């Protein structure tokens, strides 16, 4: 059985109390996660303190990695975003289909589940409906670390990727020297629609948070799963190596339509 490392499990338990504060009468000033934590921007080549700038190299696995050899996919750079979800890939990743995520209102959110009360929808519009969610995993220490997670809005080929952003942020191409990311202290990520947030908040959120992100996460070996809340649902998974600042991308097809949303947990260094 896959087990979560002791350090990461301790982080999740600490943040269970933190999340309970968000949904009860605790003083928000006592928490460590704020709204701006999900709006960080940092340089890919930054050499400064990662606690301030989110230096990406601090979150990477440093073992030598095989070359990406998926040019035949005829897909956009970085090809690893597609290759990670092939049954045969050069990274030793296996794939799991978690189910279908329900989207209402044409918007989607992603971030730290311990900060669900502060999450904002991304500026990019997405289709309404129920869409398959997949994760690509491989051993990280003594548990299965999620390297990538994605939502597929259709089966068309991605021709261009761009960073997920908020309405007050400028668009960034994937080749940009800076990047947007969401900060997570819990070592977990959550993806859901604004309608799911509202349903969650109206469903005894403190107890429900503990049930989903502690009890159900334990039942699912802390890898990834979907959870239904009345007529809505959400997806949650671990972030590979734990706390960090992780980027979300939207993929567009040749008609400039969104066909995927992808979370990259910075375990594979693909950027130039």
Foldseek 3Di string as FASTA:
>chain_A
DFADDPVLLVLQVVLLVLLLLLQDVHDPVPHDDDLCLQWAKAFQPDPDDCVPHQNLVVQEDPPDFDDFDVVVVVAAPPPCVVQLDDCDGRGQKDKDWFFWAFAPPQWKWKAASSPLSNIDTFPDGADGDIWIKMFIWDDDPRHIFTFKIKTFRDDAGFHAKWFTHHPPDDTGGPQDRMHGWHWYSSQKMKMHYPVVSVLCSVPSNSVVSCCVSPVVCVVVSQAKHWDDRVPGIMIMHGLGPGTGTWTKMFTAHPVRHTGMIMIGSSHDPRHD
